[in-house]
């Protein structure tokens, strides 16, 4: 099991390890996720918040976050 704060630090690099900064960095890497990040009802924000956490966890677990770029991403 990963420590959530450490996972966020890996994803935000030099920024504050907050969920909002993780969201911003994930959207920079994957712009197609932007439509899931804004607005919506409370349940949608919570639901997609969990989705972004899962994406970030997977990136850290595979070492993708350490690279800090989207090289190798299939478009």
N, C-alpha and C. Protein backbone atom coordinates (compact mmCIF):
# COMPACT_ATOMS: atom_id res chain seq x y z
N UNK A 1 0.84 -1.18 0.00
CA UNK A 1 0.00 0.00 0.00
C UNK A 1 0.89 1.24 0.00
N UNK A 2 0.52 2.21 -0.80
CA UNK A 2 1.31 3.43 -0.92
C UNK A 2 0.84 4.48 0.07
N UNK A 3 1.79 5.27 0.54
CA UNK A 3 1.45 6.41 1.38
C UNK A 3 0.89 7.51 0.46
N UNK A 4 -0.34 7.98 0.72
CA UNK A 4 -0.95 8.97 -0.18
C UNK A 4 -0.13 10.25 -0.34
N UNK A 5 0.47 10.73 0.74
CA UNK A 5 1.24 11.97 0.66
C UNK A 5 2.49 11.75 -0.19
N UNK A 6 3.15 10.62 0.00
CA UNK A 6 4.35 10.34 -0.79
C UNK A 6 3.99 10.16 -2.26
N UNK A 7 2.87 9.52 -2.53
CA UNK A 7 2.42 9.36 -3.92
C UNK A 7 2.20 10.73 -4.56
N UNK A 8 1.52 11.62 -3.82
CA UNK A 8 1.26 12.96 -4.36
C UNK A 8 2.56 13.74 -4.55
N UNK A 9 3.55 13.55 -3.66
CA UNK A 9 4.84 14.22 -3.83
C UNK A 9 5.52 13.75 -5.11
N UNK A 10 5.43 12.46 -5.40
CA UNK A 10 6.02 11.94 -6.64
C UNK A 10 5.34 12.54 -7.87
N UNK A 11 4.06 12.77 -7.79
CA UNK A 11 3.31 13.28 -8.94
C UNK A 11 3.42 14.79 -9.11
N UNK A 12 3.59 15.52 -8.01
CA UNK A 12 3.64 16.98 -8.11
C UNK A 12 5.06 17.51 -8.23
N UNK A 13 6.03 16.64 -8.16
CA UNK A 13 7.43 17.02 -8.26
C UNK A 13 7.78 18.06 -7.21
N UNK A 14 7.91 19.33 -7.59
CA UNK A 14 8.34 20.38 -6.66
C UNK A 14 7.18 21.12 -6.01
N UNK A 15 5.98 20.88 -6.46
CA UNK A 15 4.81 21.60 -5.93
C UNK A 15 4.32 21.02 -4.62
N UNK A 16 3.37 21.70 -4.04
CA UNK A 16 2.74 21.23 -2.81
C UNK A 16 1.99 19.92 -3.11
N UNK A 17 2.16 18.90 -2.28
CA UNK A 17 1.52 17.60 -2.56
C UNK A 17 0.03 17.59 -2.22
N UNK A 18 -0.75 18.33 -2.96
CA UNK A 18 -2.19 18.38 -2.73
C UNK A 18 -2.92 17.66 -3.87
N UNK A 19 -4.15 17.29 -3.60
CA UNK A 19 -4.94 16.62 -4.64
C UNK A 19 -5.15 17.54 -5.84
N UNK A 20 -5.31 18.83 -5.57
CA UNK A 20 -5.51 19.79 -6.67
C UNK A 20 -4.28 19.87 -7.56
N UNK A 21 -3.08 19.85 -6.98
CA UNK A 21 -1.86 19.89 -7.78
C UNK A 21 -1.67 18.59 -8.56
N UNK A 22 -2.03 17.46 -7.97
CA UNK A 22 -1.97 16.19 -8.69
C UNK A 22 -2.89 16.25 -9.90
N UNK A 23 -4.09 16.75 -9.68
CA UNK A 23 -5.07 16.89 -10.77
C UNK A 23 -4.50 17.76 -11.89
N UNK A 24 -3.90 18.88 -11.54
CA UNK A 24 -3.32 19.79 -12.53
C UNK A 24 -2.22 19.10 -13.32
N UNK A 25 -1.34 18.38 -12.63
CA UNK A 25 -0.24 17.70 -13.31
C UNK A 25 -0.74 16.58 -14.21
N UNK A 26 -1.75 15.84 -13.77
CA UNK A 26 -2.30 14.78 -14.61
C UNK A 26 -2.94 15.35 -15.86
N UNK A 27 -3.60 16.49 -15.73
CA UNK A 27 -4.22 17.12 -16.89
C UNK A 27 -3.16 17.66 -17.86
N UNK A 28 -2.03 18.12 -17.33
CA UNK A 28 -0.94 18.55 -18.21
C UNK A 28 -0.42 17.37 -19.03
N UNK A 29 -0.32 16.20 -18.39
CA UNK A 29 0.17 15.01 -19.09
C UNK A 29 -0.88 14.43 -20.03
N UNK A 30 -2.13 14.46 -19.59
CA UNK A 30 -3.23 13.85 -20.34
C UNK A 30 -4.37 14.86 -20.48
N UNK A 31 -4.29 15.77 -21.45
CA UNK A 31 -5.30 16.83 -21.60
C UNK A 31 -6.72 16.31 -21.79
N UNK A 32 -6.86 15.09 -22.29
CA UNK A 32 -8.21 14.55 -22.50
C UNK A 32 -8.96 14.31 -21.18
N UNK A 33 -8.26 14.32 -20.05
CA UNK A 33 -8.90 14.16 -18.74
C UNK A 33 -9.53 15.45 -18.22
N UNK A 34 -9.26 16.56 -18.88
CA UNK A 34 -9.74 17.86 -18.40
C UNK A 34 -11.26 17.92 -18.24
N UNK A 35 -11.97 17.28 -19.13
CA UNK A 35 -13.44 17.34 -19.05
C UNK A 35 -14.00 16.66 -17.81
N UNK A 36 -13.22 15.78 -17.17
CA UNK A 36 -13.68 15.11 -15.96
C UNK A 36 -13.28 15.86 -14.69
N UNK A 37 -12.50 16.91 -14.83
CA UNK A 37 -11.93 17.58 -13.67
C UNK A 37 -12.73 18.77 -13.17
N UNK A 38 -13.61 19.28 -13.99
CA UNK A 38 -14.27 20.53 -13.59
C UNK A 38 -15.77 20.36 -13.44
N UNK A 39 -16.30 21.13 -12.51
CA UNK A 39 -17.74 21.23 -12.33
C UNK A 39 -18.42 19.93 -11.93
N UNK A 40 -19.68 19.88 -12.22
CA UNK A 40 -20.45 18.70 -11.91
C UNK A 40 -21.01 18.72 -10.50
N UNK A 41 -21.76 17.71 -10.20
CA UNK A 41 -22.37 17.61 -8.87
C UNK A 41 -21.34 17.10 -7.86
N UNK A 42 -21.74 17.08 -6.61
CA UNK A 42 -20.85 16.61 -5.55
C UNK A 42 -20.41 15.16 -5.79
N UNK A 43 -21.35 14.32 -6.17
CA UNK A 43 -20.99 12.92 -6.38
C UNK A 43 -20.04 12.76 -7.56
N UNK A 44 -20.20 13.60 -8.61
CA UNK A 44 -19.28 13.52 -9.75
C UNK A 44 -17.87 13.95 -9.35
N UNK A 45 -17.76 15.01 -8.57
CA UNK A 45 -16.43 15.46 -8.12
C UNK A 45 -15.76 14.39 -7.26
N UNK A 46 -16.52 13.76 -6.38
CA UNK A 46 -15.96 12.70 -5.54
C UNK A 46 -15.57 11.48 -6.38
N UNK A 47 -16.45 11.09 -7.28
CA UNK A 47 -16.21 9.93 -8.14
C UNK A 47 -14.94 10.13 -8.96
N UNK A 48 -14.86 11.25 -9.67
CA UNK A 48 -13.69 11.49 -10.51
C UNK A 48 -12.45 11.77 -9.68
N UNK A 49 -12.62 12.28 -8.47
CA UNK A 49 -11.48 12.42 -7.57
C UNK A 49 -10.85 11.07 -7.29
N UNK A 50 -11.69 10.04 -7.08
CA UNK A 50 -11.17 8.69 -6.87
C UNK A 50 -10.51 8.15 -8.13
N UNK A 51 -11.06 8.48 -9.27
CA UNK A 51 -10.47 8.04 -10.54
C UNK A 51 -9.08 8.64 -10.72
N UNK A 52 -8.94 9.94 -10.45
CA UNK A 52 -7.64 10.60 -10.58
C UNK A 52 -6.64 10.03 -9.57
N UNK A 53 -7.10 9.69 -8.37
CA UNK A 53 -6.22 9.07 -7.39
C UNK A 53 -5.73 7.72 -7.90
N UNK A 54 -6.62 6.95 -8.51
CA UNK A 54 -6.23 5.65 -9.05
C UNK A 54 -5.23 5.80 -10.20
N UNK A 55 -5.45 6.78 -11.06
CA UNK A 55 -4.52 7.02 -12.16
C UNK A 55 -3.14 7.39 -11.60
N UNK A 56 -3.13 8.27 -10.62
CA UNK A 56 -1.86 8.67 -10.00
C UNK A 56 -1.17 7.51 -9.32
N UNK A 57 -1.91 6.67 -8.63
CA UNK A 57 -1.32 5.50 -7.97
C UNK A 57 -0.68 4.57 -8.98
N UNK A 58 -1.37 4.35 -10.08
CA UNK A 58 -0.83 3.50 -11.13
C UNK A 58 0.43 4.07 -11.74
N UNK A 59 0.45 5.38 -11.93
CA UNK A 59 1.64 6.03 -12.50
C UNK A 59 2.84 5.89 -11.57
N UNK A 60 2.62 6.08 -10.27
CA UNK A 60 3.71 5.96 -9.31
C UNK A 60 4.17 4.50 -9.23
N UNK A 61 3.23 3.56 -9.20
CA UNK A 61 3.57 2.14 -9.08
C UNK A 61 4.39 1.64 -10.27
N UNK A 62 4.11 2.17 -11.46
CA UNK A 62 4.84 1.72 -12.65
C UNK A 62 6.11 2.53 -12.91
N UNK A 63 6.31 3.58 -12.13
CA UNK A 63 7.49 4.41 -12.32
C UNK A 63 7.30 5.49 -13.37
N UNK A 64 6.12 5.60 -13.93
CA UNK A 64 5.85 6.60 -14.96
C UNK A 64 5.96 8.01 -14.40
N UNK A 65 5.55 8.21 -13.15
CA UNK A 65 5.58 9.54 -12.54
C UNK A 65 7.00 10.02 -12.34
N UNK A 66 7.93 9.11 -12.11
CA UNK A 66 9.32 9.50 -11.90
C UNK A 66 9.93 10.09 -13.16
N UNK A 67 9.45 9.63 -14.31
CA UNK A 67 9.97 10.15 -15.57
C UNK A 67 9.55 11.59 -15.78
N UNK A 68 8.36 11.94 -15.31
CA UNK A 68 7.89 13.32 -15.39
C UNK A 68 7.51 13.80 -16.77
N UNK A 69 7.26 12.88 -17.67
CA UNK A 69 6.84 13.31 -19.01
C UNK A 69 5.87 12.29 -19.57
N UNK A 70 5.26 12.65 -20.65
CA UNK A 70 4.29 11.77 -21.29
C UNK A 70 4.91 11.03 -22.48
N UNK A 71 6.22 10.90 -22.51
CA UNK A 71 6.86 10.19 -23.60
C UNK A 71 6.40 8.75 -23.60
N UNK A 72 6.13 8.22 -24.74
CA UNK A 72 5.70 6.85 -24.86
C UNK A 72 4.20 6.67 -24.75
N UNK A 73 3.47 7.76 -24.54
CA UNK A 73 2.02 7.67 -24.45
C UNK A 73 1.46 7.53 -25.85
N UNK A 74 0.59 6.57 -26.04
CA UNK A 74 -0.03 6.35 -27.34
C UNK A 74 -1.16 7.33 -27.52
N UNK A 75 -1.17 8.03 -28.62
CA UNK A 75 -2.25 9.00 -28.90
C UNK A 75 -3.17 8.48 -29.95
